[in-house]
Amino acid sequence: MSRAALLVTHTGRVMNTAHARTVAKDLLDAGFQVRVLAQEAPDLDLPGLTWVDDPSAADGAEIVFALGGDGTLLRAAELARPAKAPLLGINLGKVGFLAEAETDDIDQVVRDVIAREYTVDERLTLDVRAELAGSEVASSWALNEVTVEKGSRAHMLELRVDVDGRPLSRYGCDGVVCATPTGSTAYALSAGGPVVWPEVEAMLLVPISAHALFNRPLVTAPTSTIDITVDPYIAMAVLCCDGRRVFDLPPGAKVQVRRGHLPVRVARLRPQTFTERLVAKFGLSVSGWRGGRP
């Protein structure tokens, strides 16, 4: 039976294109059907590639490669998730926290995939729906985070947050972040939220620049439902999912966030604890600023 892989990359950078071409050629030589997005295929300029241009591009694929930074991986996740295909990130950007491998590992990564020497983890996602007066305004999902933010720099948002159908607090703020454990090291961390190990099943609620006595980040159960209501007398707000899908929220809109019905499946090549990943990606000083004691 033919094996298939989908390749997603950022061809706007010359080195990215060169690395993606190398991966594609090695997979083709191993007998894979290699699918590439139609807008990226001309830049790869490699015979034998299968051009795809629809949301079902990853259907039936054994694995989805994302070559680039976290933005490329989030773009690839949009295709991998509905197909339930494992997603493997190779970092060609800066931090690349979601990636499994670095540029120097590319040849070994391809060999491991060809030999099926990888495991698969499932990452919790968020489903989100926004409505106004019973009519749907927006519907989407996120791997990292869902944010409700002010649509204008000049105006503060007024938001009420309910958890599991009970009022929790009202914030005058720039917005709120609802994040997954995977997204706890992204926008939620910058907003003052905690780092949560990916094995922990939970949802995070992090206010952004909140003018409130109770403005601490919260960790809720994975079964919780978080409702965020935009006060009806404020200016337009914005709903954003993973920094990629953006929707206008009119005054009075209600946003409901809950655990996603589909996880994102992530390929893992070699054992590495989350502690090791934190230290490596963020350059944490394990020895301390004084260099430790003998």
C-alpha atoms as a PDB file:
ATOM      1  CA  MET A   1       0.000   0.000   0.000  1.00  0.00           C
ATOM      2  CA  SER A   2       1.345   3.416  -0.968  1.00  0.00           C
ATOM      3  CA  ARG A   3       2.486   5.657   1.862  1.00  0.00           C
ATOM      4  CA  ALA A   4       1.654   9.373   1.772  1.00  0.00           C
ATOM      5  CA  ALA A   5       2.987  12.480   3.490  1.00  0.00           C
ATOM      6  CA  LEU A   6       1.882  16.104   3.338  1.00  0.00           C
ATOM      7  CA  LEU A   7       4.614  18.747   3.353  1.00  0.00           C
ATOM      8  CA  VAL A   8       3.851  22.280   4.577  1.00  0.00           C
ATOM      9  CA  THR A   9       6.555  24.949   4.611  1.00  0.00           C
ATOM     10  CA  HIS A  10       7.213  28.684   4.335  1.00  0.00           C
ATOM     11  CA  THR A  11       8.639  28.970   0.819  1.00  0.00           C
ATOM     12  CA  GLY A  12       9.099  32.722   1.166  1.00  0.00           C
ATOM     13  CA  ARG A  13      12.516  31.949   2.664  1.00  0.00           C
ATOM     14  CA  VAL A  14      15.193  30.428   0.439  1.00  0.00           C
ATOM     15  CA  MET A  15      16.666  28.107   3.078  1.00  0.00           C
ATOM     16  CA  ASN A  16      13.218  26.816   4.016  1.00  0.00           C
ATOM     17  CA  THR A  17      12.608  25.872   0.398  1.00  0.00           C
ATOM     18  CA  ALA A  18      15.955  24.083   0.153  1.00  0.00           C
ATOM     19  CA  HIS A  19      15.287  22.050   3.305  1.00  0.00           C
ATOM     20  CA  ALA A  20      11.753  21.198   2.182  1.00  0.00           C
ATOM     21  CA  ARG A  21      13.065  20.053  -1.196  1.00  0.00           C
ATOM     22  CA  THR A  22      15.550  17.739   0.557  1.00  0.00           C
ATOM     23  CA  VAL A  23      12.811  16.204   2.719  1.00  0.00           C
ATOM     24  CA  ALA A  24      10.496  15.774  -0.261  1.00  0.00           C
ATOM     25  CA  LYS A  25      13.184  14.107  -2.391  1.00  0.00           C
ATOM     26  CA  ASP A  26      14.139  11.647   0.358  1.00  0.00           C
ATOM     27  CA  LEU A  27      10.486  10.706   0.877  1.00  0.00           C
ATOM     28  CA  LEU A  28       9.918  10.279  -2.872  1.00  0.00           C
ATOM     29  CA  ASP A  29      12.995   8.042  -3.086  1.00  0.00           C
ATOM     30  CA  ALA A  30      11.509   5.926  -0.262  1.00  0.00           C
ATOM     31  CA  GLY A  31       8.315   5.407  -2.258  1.00  0.00           C
ATOM     32  CA  PHE A  32       6.093   7.983  -0.552  1.00  0.00           C
ATOM     33  CA  GLN A  33       3.439   9.971  -2.312  1.00  0.00           C
ATOM     34  CA  VAL A  34       4.523  13.493  -1.311  1.00  0.00           C
ATOM     35  CA  ARG A  35       1.754  16.073  -1.282  1.00  0.00           C
ATOM     36  CA  VAL A  36       2.506  19.793  -1.243  1.00  0.00           C
ATOM     37  CA  LEU A  37       0.213  22.794  -1.175  1.00  0.00           C
ATOM     38  CA  ALA A  38      -0.408  24.193  -4.644  1.00  0.00           C
ATOM     39  CA  GLN A  39       0.842  27.664  -3.727  1.00  0.00           C
ATOM     40  CA  GLU A  40       4.141  26.209  -2.474  1.00  0.00           C
ATOM     41  CA  ALA A  41       4.760  23.565  -5.150  1.00  0.00           C
ATOM     42  CA  PRO A  42       6.244  25.871  -7.858  1.00  0.00           C
ATOM     43  CA  ASP A  43       8.928  27.087  -5.455  1.00  0.00           C
ATOM     44  CA  LEU A  44       9.910  23.526  -4.566  1.00  0.00           C
ATOM     45  CA  ASP A  45      10.330  22.724  -8.292  1.00  0.00           C
ATOM     46  CA  LEU A  46      10.680  18.958  -7.824  1.00  0.00           C
ATOM     47  CA  PRO A  47       9.301  16.295 -10.209  1.00  0.00           C
ATOM     48  CA  GLY A  48       6.936  13.735  -8.716  1.00  0.00           C
ATOM     49  CA  LEU A  49       5.197  15.967  -6.198  1.00  0.00           C
ATOM     50  CA  THR A  50       1.416  15.778  -5.840  1.00  0.00           C
ATOM     51  CA  TRP A  51      -0.198  19.209  -5.748  1.00  0.00           C
ATOM     52  CA  VAL A  52      -3.138  19.638  -3.362  1.00  0.00           C
ATOM     53  CA  ASP A  53      -5.352  22.661  -2.821  1.00  0.00           C
ATOM     54  CA  ASP A  54      -8.244  21.912  -0.476  1.00  0.00           C
ATOM     55  CA  PRO A  55      -8.936  21.439   3.262  1.00  0.00           C
ATOM     56  CA  SER A  56      -8.786  17.641   2.889  1.00  0.00           C
ATOM     57  CA  ALA A  57      -5.139  17.737   1.730  1.00  0.00           C
ATOM     58  CA  ALA A  58      -4.015  15.496   4.619  1.00  0.00           C
ATOM     59  CA  ASP A  59      -6.759  12.860   4.255  1.00  0.00           C
ATOM     60  CA  GLY A  60      -5.147   9.423   4.222  1.00  0.00           C
ATOM     61  CA  ALA A  61      -1.667  10.830   4.877  1.00  0.00           C
ATOM     62  CA  GLU A  62       0.578   8.895   7.227  1.00  0.00           C
ATOM     63  CA  ILE A  63       2.171  12.089   8.530  1.00  0.00           C
ATOM     64  CA  VAL A  64       2.167  15.860   8.027  1.00  0.00           C
ATOM     65  CA  PHE A  65       5.527  17.656   8.003  1.00  0.00           C
ATOM     66  CA  ALA A  66       5.660  21.310   9.034  1.00  0.00           C
ATOM     67  CA  LEU A  67       8.970  22.965   8.123  1.00  0.00           C
ATOM     68  CA  GLY A  68       9.257  26.465   9.554  1.00  0.00           C
ATOM     69  CA  GLY A  69       8.401  28.239  12.799  1.00  0.00           C
ATOM     70  CA  ASP A  70       5.402  27.875  15.074  1.00  0.00           C
ATOM     71  CA  GLY A  71       3.258  29.803  12.580  1.00  0.00           C
ATOM     72  CA  THR A  72       3.909  27.178   9.905  1.00  0.00           C
ATOM     73  CA  LEU A  73       3.126  24.392  12.365  1.00  0.00           C
ATOM     74  CA  LEU A  74      -0.184  26.018  13.329  1.00  0.00           C
ATOM     75  CA  ARG A  75      -1.035  26.323   9.629  1.00  0.00           C
ATOM     76  CA  ALA A  76      -0.213  22.652   9.099  1.00  0.00           C
ATOM     77  CA  ALA A  77      -2.313  21.727  12.151  1.00  0.00           C
ATOM     78  CA  GLU A  78      -5.398  23.091  10.383  1.00  0.00           C
ATOM     79  CA  LEU A  79      -4.941  20.365   7.762  1.00  0.00           C
ATOM     80  CA  ALA A  80      -3.691  17.569  10.022  1.00  0.00           C
ATOM     81  CA  ARG A  81      -6.403  17.813  12.680  1.00  0.00           C
ATOM     82  CA  PRO A  82      -9.505  16.890  10.617  1.00  0.00           C
ATOM     83  CA  ALA A  83      -7.557  14.088   8.927  1.00  0.00           C
ATOM     84  CA  LYS A  84      -6.336  12.794  12.336  1.00  0.00           C
ATOM     85  CA  ALA A  85      -2.839  12.659  10.822  1.00  0.00           C
ATOM     86  CA  PRO A  86       0.229  12.999  13.093  1.00  0.00           C
ATOM     87  CA  LEU A  87       1.956  16.366  12.818  1.00  0.00           C
ATOM     88  CA  LEU A  88       5.755  16.597  12.882  1.00  0.00           C
ATOM     89  CA  GLY A  89       7.393  20.015  13.171  1.00  0.00           C
ATOM     90  CA  ILE A  90      10.938  20.783  12.053  1.00  0.00           C
ATOM     91  CA  ASN A  91      12.012  24.169  13.374  1.00  0.00           C
ATOM     92  CA  LEU A  92      13.424  26.478  10.716  1.00  0.00           C
ATOM     93  CA  GLY A  93      12.468  29.613  12.646  1.00  0.00           C
ATOM     94  CA  LYS A  94      13.622  31.061  15.972  1.00  0.00           C
ATOM     95  CA  VAL A  95      12.164  29.444  19.111  1.00  0.00           C
ATOM     96  CA  GLY A  96       9.929  26.882  17.398  1.00  0.00           C
ATOM     97  CA  PHE A  97       8.540  25.621  20.690  1.00  0.00           C
ATOM     98  CA  LEU A  98       6.025  23.317  19.036  1.00  0.00           C
ATOM     99  CA  ALA A  99       8.598  21.690  16.739  1.00  0.00           C
ATOM    100  CA  GLU A 100       9.999  18.243  17.426  1.00  0.00           C
ATOM    101  CA  ALA A 101      13.316  18.646  15.599  1.00  0.00           C
ATOM    102  CA  GLU A 102      15.842  21.265  14.496  1.00  0.00           C
ATOM    103  CA  THR A 103      17.489  21.920  11.137  1.00  0.00           C
ATOM    104  CA  ASP A 104      20.502  19.709  11.903  1.00  0.00           C
ATOM    105  CA  ASP A 105      18.180  16.746  12.542  1.00  0.00           C
ATOM    106  CA  ILE A 106      16.421  16.745   9.170  1.00  0.00           C
ATOM    107  CA  ASP A 107      18.137  13.700   7.638  1.00  0.00           C
ATOM    108  CA  GLN A 108      17.600  11.598  10.766  1.00  0.00           C
ATOM    109  CA  VAL A 109      13.984  12.755  11.044  1.00  0.00           C
ATOM    110  CA  VAL A 110      13.207  11.497   7.545  1.00  0.00           C
ATOM    111  CA  ARG A 111      14.938   8.186   8.250  1.00  0.00           C
ATOM    112  CA  ASP A 112      12.899   7.753  11.436  1.00  0.00           C
ATOM    113  CA  VAL A 113       9.637   8.481   9.647  1.00  0.00           C
ATOM    114  CA  ILE A 114      10.462   6.078   6.824  1.00  0.00           C
ATOM    115  CA  ALA A 115      11.247   3.400   9.424  1.00  0.00           C
ATOM    116  CA  ARG A 116       8.087   4.309  11.388  1.00  0.00           C
ATOM    117  CA  GLU A 117      10.226   4.946  14.456  1.00  0.00           C
ATOM    118  CA  TYR A 118       8.073   7.548  16.141  1.00  0.00           C
ATOM    119  CA  THR A 119       5.273   7.739  18.681  1.00  0.00           C
ATOM    120  CA  VAL A 120       2.168   9.919  18.669  1.00  0.00           C
ATOM    121  CA  ASP A 121       0.824  12.158  21.440  1.00  0.00           C
ATOM    122  CA  GLU A 122      -2.579  13.810  21.487  1.00  0.00           C
ATOM    123  CA  ARG A 123      -2.828  17.511  22.323  1.00  0.00           C
ATOM    124  CA  LEU A 124      -5.971  19.040  23.771  1.00  0.00           C
ATOM    125  CA  THR A 125      -7.645  21.684  21.588  1.00  0.00           C
ATOM    126  CA  LEU A 126     -10.377  24.286  22.106  1.00  0.00           C
ATOM    127  CA  ASP A 127     -13.652  24.694  20.245  1.00  0.00           C
ATOM    128  CA  VAL A 128     -15.145  28.177  20.229  1.00  0.00           C
ATOM    129  CA  ARG A 129     -18.511  29.582  19.199  1.00  0.00           C
ATOM    130  CA  ALA A 130     -19.657  33.215  19.302  1.00  0.00           C
ATOM    131  CA  GLU A 131     -23.273  34.304  19.091  1.00  0.00           C
ATOM    132  CA  LEU A 132     -25.397  37.417  19.371  1.00  0.00           C
ATOM    133  CA  ALA A 133     -29.092  37.200  20.300  1.00  0.00           C
ATOM    134  CA  GLY A 134     -29.081  33.476  19.490  1.00  0.00           C
ATOM    135  CA  SER A 135     -27.503  33.843  16.042  1.00  0.00           C
ATOM    136  CA  GLU A 136     -24.020  32.499  15.344  1.00  0.00           C
ATOM    137  CA  VAL A 137     -21.369  35.131  14.726  1.00  0.00           C
ATOM    138  CA  ALA A 138     -18.313  32.862  14.479  1.00  0.00           C
ATOM    139  CA  SER A 139     -17.234  29.265  14.997  1.00  0.00           C
ATOM    140  CA  SER A 140     -13.689  27.906  15.046  1.00  0.00           C
ATOM    141  CA  TRP A 141     -11.063  26.044  17.073  1.00  0.00           C
ATOM    142  CA  ALA A 142      -7.531  26.490  18.415  1.00  0.00           C
ATOM    143  CA  LEU A 143      -4.484  24.443  19.331  1.00  0.00           C
ATOM    144  CA  ASN A 144      -2.775  27.207  21.329  1.00  0.00           C
ATOM    145  CA  GLU A 145      -5.317  29.793  22.383  1.00  0.00           C
ATOM    146  CA  VAL A 146      -8.555  31.651  21.823  1.00  0.00           C
ATOM    147  CA  THR A 147      -8.471  35.373  22.651  1.00  0.00           C
ATOM    148  CA  VAL A 148     -11.138  38.014  22.977  1.00  0.00           C
ATOM    149  CA  GLU A 149      -9.422  41.382  22.557  1.00  0.00           C
ATOM    150  CA  LYS A 150     -10.316  45.010  22.098  1.00  0.00           C
ATOM    151  CA  GLY A 151     -10.751  46.101  18.516  1.00  0.00           C
ATOM    152  CA  SER A 152      -9.424  49.605  19.108  1.00  0.00           C
ATOM    153  CA  ARG A 153      -6.389  50.823  21.023  1.00  0.00           C
ATOM    154  CA  ALA A 154      -8.368  53.772  22.339  1.00  0.00           C
ATOM    155  CA  HIS A 155     -11.042  51.784  24.181  1.00  0.00           C
ATOM    156  CA  MET A 156     -10.883  49.275  27.018  1.00  0.00           C
ATOM    157  CA  LEU A 157     -13.011  46.148  26.869  1.00  0.00           C
ATOM    158  CA  GLU A 158     -15.646  45.330  29.474  1.00  0.00           C
ATOM    159  CA  LEU A 159     -16.017  41.562  29.716  1.00  0.00           C
ATOM    160  CA  ARG A 160     -17.910  39.224  32.008  1.00  0.00           C
ATOM    161  CA  VAL A 161     -16.546  35.717  32.444  1.00  0.00           C
ATOM    162  CA  ASP A 162     -18.693  32.754  33.496  1.00  0.00           C
ATOM    163  CA  VAL A 163     -17.294  29.299  34.237  1.00  0.00           C
ATOM    164  CA  ASP A 164     -19.611  26.279  34.047  1.00  0.00           C
ATOM    165  CA  GLY A 165     -22.647  28.523  33.842  1.00  0.00           C
ATOM    166  CA  ARG A 166     -21.826  30.590  36.940  1.00  0.00           C
ATOM    167  CA  PRO A 167     -20.597  34.218  36.900  1.00  0.00           C
ATOM    168  CA  LEU A 168     -16.928  34.453  37.900  1.00  0.00           C
ATOM    169  CA  SER A 169     -15.770  38.040  37.389  1.00  0.00           C
ATOM    170  CA  ARG A 170     -16.069  41.178  35.303  1.00  0.00           C
ATOM    171  CA  TYR A 171     -12.951  42.738  33.831  1.00  0.00           C
ATOM    172  CA  GLY A 172     -12.075  46.101  32.391  1.00  0.00           C
ATOM    173  CA  CYS A 173      -9.170  44.904  30.279  1.00  0.00           C
ATOM    174  CA  ASP A 174      -7.422  44.637  26.943  1.00  0.00           C
ATOM    175  CA  GLY A 175      -8.839  41.130  26.604  1.00  0.00           C
ATOM    176  CA  VAL A 176      -8.653  37.571  27.893  1.00  0.00           C
ATOM    177  CA  VAL A 177      -6.744  34.502  26.719  1.00  0.00           C
ATOM    178  CA  CYS A 178      -8.228  31.010  26.885  1.00  0.00           C
ATOM    179  CA  ALA A 179      -5.350  28.599  26.329  1.00  0.00           C
ATOM    180  CA  THR A 180      -4.534  24.919  26.222  1.00  0.00           C
ATOM    181  CA  PRO A 181      -1.498  23.399  27.987  1.00  0.00           C
ATOM    182  CA  THR A 182       0.204  23.436  24.566  1.00  0.00           C
ATOM    183  CA  GLY A 183      -0.526  27.153  24.295  1.00  0.00           C
ATOM    184  CA  SER A 184       0.577  27.909  27.853  1.00  0.00           C
ATOM    185  CA  THR A 185       4.069  28.734  26.540  1.00  0.00           C
ATOM    186  CA  ALA A 186       2.727  31.135  23.882  1.00  0.00           C
ATOM    187  CA  TYR A 187       0.478  34.202  24.265  1.00  0.00           C
ATOM    188  CA  ALA A 188      -0.807  33.063  27.683  1.00  0.00           C
ATOM    189  CA  LEU A 189       2.745  33.043  29.067  1.00  0.00           C
ATOM    190  CA  SER A 190       3.392  36.569  27.756  1.00  0.00           C
ATOM    191  CA  ALA A 191       0.189  37.710  29.480  1.00  0.00           C
ATOM    192  CA  GLY A 192       1.380  36.328  32.827  1.00  0.00           C
ATOM    193  CA  GLY A 193      -0.097  32.837  32.767  1.00  0.00           C
ATOM    194  CA  PRO A 194       1.518  29.671  34.139  1.00  0.00           C
ATOM    195  CA  VAL A 195       3.443  27.069  32.158  1.00  0.00           C
ATOM    196  CA  VAL A 196       1.406  23.858  32.120  1.00  0.00           C
ATOM    197  CA  TRP A 197       2.892  20.474  31.235  1.00  0.00           C
ATOM    198  CA  PRO A 198       1.243  19.101  28.062  1.00  0.00           C
ATOM    199  CA  GLU A 199       0.235  15.886  29.850  1.00  0.00           C
ATOM    200  CA  VAL A 200      -2.049  17.924  32.117  1.00  0.00           C
ATOM    201  CA  GLU A 201      -5.596  18.113  30.805  1.00  0.00           C
ATOM    202  CA  ALA A 202      -6.848  21.609  31.648  1.00  0.00           C
ATOM    203  CA  MET A 203      -7.836  24.976  30.228  1.00  0.00           C
ATOM    204  CA  LEU A 204      -6.289  28.319  31.143  1.00  0.00           C
ATOM    205  CA  LEU A 205      -7.982  31.690  31.544  1.00  0.00           C
ATOM    206  CA  VAL A 206      -5.572  34.655  31.553  1.00  0.00           C
ATOM    207  CA  PRO A 207      -6.798  38.292  31.682  1.00  0.00           C
ATOM    208  CA  ILE A 208      -4.774  40.779  29.623  1.00  0.00           C
ATOM    209  CA  SER A 209      -3.932  44.049  31.431  1.00  0.00           C
ATOM    210  CA  ALA A 210      -7.042  43.763  33.589  1.00  0.00           C
ATOM    211  CA  HIS A 211      -8.172  46.650  35.823  1.00  0.00           C
ATOM    212  CA  ALA A 212      -9.633  44.433  38.534  1.00  0.00           C
ATOM    213  CA  LEU A 213      -8.778  43.341  42.057  1.00  0.00           C
ATOM    214  CA  PHE A 214      -9.071  39.724  40.975  1.00  0.00           C
ATOM    215  CA  ASN A 215      -6.934  39.528  37.847  1.00  0.00           C
ATOM    216  CA  ARG A 216      -5.024  36.309  38.403  1.00  0.00           C
ATOM    217  CA  PRO A 217      -4.741  33.593  35.750  1.00  0.00           C
ATOM    218  CA  LEU A 218      -6.920  30.552  36.367  1.00  0.00           C
ATOM    219  CA  VAL A 219      -6.609  26.865  35.518  1.00  0.00           C
ATOM    220  CA  THR A 220      -9.951  25.126  35.018  1.00  0.00           C
ATOM    221  CA  ALA A 221     -10.998  21.519  34.490  1.00  0.00           C
ATOM    222  CA  PRO A 222     -10.869  20.186  30.927  1.00  0.00           C
ATOM    223  CA  THR A 223     -14.625  19.615  31.185  1.00  0.00           C
ATOM    224  CA  SER A 224     -15.303  23.265  32.006  1.00  0.00           C
ATOM    225  CA  THR A 225     -17.148  25.677  29.765  1.00  0.00           C
ATOM    226  CA  ILE A 226     -15.910  29.277  29.704  1.00  0.00           C
ATOM    227  CA  ASP A 227     -18.333  31.987  28.572  1.00  0.00           C
ATOM    228  CA  ILE A 228     -17.047  35.485  27.776  1.00  0.00           C
ATOM    229  CA  THR A 229     -19.681  38.176  27.276  1.00  0.00           C
ATOM    230  CA  VAL A 230     -18.794  41.494  25.657  1.00  0.00           C
ATOM    231  CA  ASP A 231     -20.707  44.293  27.372  1.00  0.00           C
ATOM    232  CA  PRO A 232     -23.305  45.794  24.999  1.00  0.00           C
ATOM    233  CA  TYR A 233     -22.207  49.419  25.436  1.00  0.00           C
ATOM    234  CA  ILE A 234     -18.541  49.002  24.424  1.00  0.00           C
ATOM    235  CA  ALA A 235     -16.840  49.306  21.049  1.00  0.00           C
ATOM    236  CA  MET A 236     -16.228  46.387  18.685  1.00  0.00           C
ATOM    237  CA  ALA A 237     -14.146  43.473  20.000  1.00  0.00           C
ATOM    238  CA  VAL A 238     -12.176  40.813  18.153  1.00  0.00           C
ATOM    239  CA  LEU A 239     -12.105  37.017  18.485  1.00  0.00           C
ATOM    240  CA  CYS A 240      -8.807  35.417  17.439  1.00  0.00           C
ATOM    241  CA  CYS A 241      -7.892  31.726  17.225  1.00  0.00           C
ATOM    242  CA  ASP A 242      -4.179  30.826  17.224  1.00  0.00           C
ATOM    243  CA  GLY A 243      -3.407  34.257  15.800  1.00  0.00           C
ATOM    244  CA  ARG A 244      -4.638  33.003  12.414  1.00  0.00           C
ATOM    245  CA  ARG A 245      -8.437  33.121  12.299  1.00  0.00           C
ATOM    246  CA  VAL A 246      -9.915  36.486  13.283  1.00  0.00           C
ATOM    247  CA  PHE A 247     -13.589  37.444  13.650  1.00  0.00           C
ATOM    248  CA  ASP A 248     -15.280  40.714  14.597  1.00  0.00           C
ATOM    249  CA  LEU A 249     -17.398  40.564  17.747  1.00  0.00           C
ATOM    250  CA  PRO A 250     -20.227  43.089  17.977  1.00  0.00           C
ATOM    251  CA  PRO A 251     -21.186  44.609  21.348  1.00  0.00           C
ATOM    252  CA  GLY A 252     -23.196  42.142  23.414  1.00  0.00           C
ATOM    253  CA  ALA A 253     -21.680  39.067  21.750  1.00  0.00           C
ATOM    254  CA  LYS A 254     -21.162  35.943  23.861  1.00  0.00           C
ATOM    255  CA  VAL A 255     -18.178  33.654  23.252  1.00  0.00           C
ATOM    256  CA  GLN A 256     -18.232  30.085  24.519  1.00  0.00           C
ATOM    257  CA  VAL A 257     -14.997  28.094  24.814  1.00  0.00           C
ATOM    258  CA  ARG A 258     -14.835  24.404  25.613  1.00  0.00           C
ATOM    259  CA  ARG A 259     -12.584  21.418  25.043  1.00  0.00           C
ATOM    260  CA  GLY A 260     -12.214  20.615  21.366  1.00  0.00           C
ATOM    261  CA  HIS A 261     -13.987  17.558  19.996  1.00  0.00           C
ATOM    262  CA  LEU A 262     -10.822  16.625  18.055  1.00  0.00           C
ATOM    263  CA  PRO A 263      -7.263  16.702  19.430  1.00  0.00           C
ATOM    264  CA  VAL A 264      -4.177  17.452  17.362  1.00  0.00           C
ATOM    265  CA  ARG A 265      -1.970  14.378  17.059  1.00  0.00           C
ATOM    266  CA  VAL A 266       1.739  15.214  17.374  1.00  0.00           C
ATOM    267  CA  ALA A 267       4.584  12.896  16.289  1.00  0.00           C
ATOM    268  CA  ARG A 268       7.438  12.365  18.759  1.00  0.00           C
ATOM    269  CA  LEU A 269      10.772  10.962  17.580  1.00  0.00           C
ATOM    270  CA  ARG A 270      12.784  10.490  20.746  1.00  0.00           C
ATOM    271  CA  PRO A 271      12.221  10.668  24.497  1.00  0.00           C
ATOM    272  CA  GLN A 272      12.579  14.203  25.871  1.00  0.00           C
ATOM    273  CA  THR A 273      10.993  15.514  29.031  1.00  0.00           C
ATOM    274  CA  PHE A 274       9.046  18.743  28.951  1.00  0.00           C
ATOM    275  CA  THR A 275      11.552  20.147  31.454  1.00  0.00           C
ATOM    276  CA  GLU A 276      14.375  19.572  28.967  1.00  0.00           C
ATOM    277  CA  ARG A 277      12.334  21.239  26.225  1.00  0.00           C
ATOM    278  CA  LEU A 278      11.668  24.294  28.418  1.00  0.00           C
ATOM    279  CA  VAL A 279      15.339  24.673  29.283  1.00  0.00           C
ATOM    280  CA  ALA A 280      16.473  24.282  25.668  1.00  0.00           C
ATOM    281  CA  LYS A 281      13.853  26.471  23.969  1.00  0.00           C
ATOM    282  CA  PHE A 282      13.928  29.329  26.470  1.00  0.00           C
ATOM    283  CA  GLY A 283      17.644  29.130  27.226  1.00  0.00           C
ATOM    284  CA  LEU A 284      16.982  28.834  30.961  1.00  0.00           C
ATOM    285  CA  SER A 285      20.015  29.299  33.190  1.00  0.00           C
ATOM    286  CA  VAL A 286      20.119  26.066  35.139  1.00  0.00           C
ATOM    287  CA  SER A 287      23.318  27.047  36.948  1.00  0.00           C
ATOM    288  CA  GLY A 288      21.957  30.464  37.952  1.00  0.00           C
ATOM    289  CA  TRP A 289      23.398  33.916  37.349  1.00  0.00           C
ATOM    290  CA  ARG A 290      26.288  33.263  39.749  1.00  0.00           C
ATOM    291  CA  GLY A 291      27.248  30.091  37.912  1.00  0.00           C
ATOM    292  CA  GLY A 292      26.395  27.761  40.773  1.00  0.00           C
ATOM    293  CA  ARG A 293      28.600  26.639  43.631  1.00  0.00           C
ATOM    294  CA  PRO A 294      31.402  24.055  43.446  1.00  0.00           C
END
